[in-house]
Amino acid sequence: MGYARSVIGQSIAAARRAAGLTQAELARRVGTSRETLSAYEHDRKSPTLDTVTRLLEALDHEVRLVPRPRFVSVEVPRGRPASVPTVLPRLDVRRALATVTLPLHLDWSPSPRAFDLSDRHQRARAYEIILREGLPEDVLAYVDGVLLCEVWPDLVLPRPIRAAWEAVFEQAGEAA
């Protein structure tokens, strides 16, 4: 329960700051007190879903239900098991198109390489490394499902990894 409230309080505060509003201004818009809004943002009080919806709507945001991926381990001949999510991961645009330096457990090259994920070719190379070597937290940190679909035909991956990810793509297509 503490985790959920922390995410809610942080989300309200971040959306308010992004809108350039003070707590008093937002509280006035939704008909509550600045003290109550502060309590929501600092997890001293838990807002109802209706209250969260009203707060976020006043900030031109919406409440969304997003599936959390679980990961399955896929055995790969002559390699460590690969981590494949049950749903396609999504990143915010800044993270999805960032320039990243992969951690040593992913990219063993002698000098760290930066990958510009906004460049299709560099994204494909980074995704190959992450899908073969990555832990669940790596997949969630660097891989965007939509951008993965775009480079998918160009990726060179072991068959078991390719087959497991294709099953995820099929499931996403069926859900859409």
Foldseek 3Di string as FASTA:
>chain_A
DQVVLQVLLCVLVVLCVVLVHDLQVLCVVLVHHSVVNVCSNVVVDPDDPVVSQSSQVVSVHGDDDDDDWDWDWWDDPPAGTFTDTLAFAADPPCQAQAWDFDDCQQDVDPDTDIAGNVDLVSVLVSVLSCRRRNDVVSCNRYPHRVSCVVNVVVHDHGPRSNVRVVVNVVVVVVVD
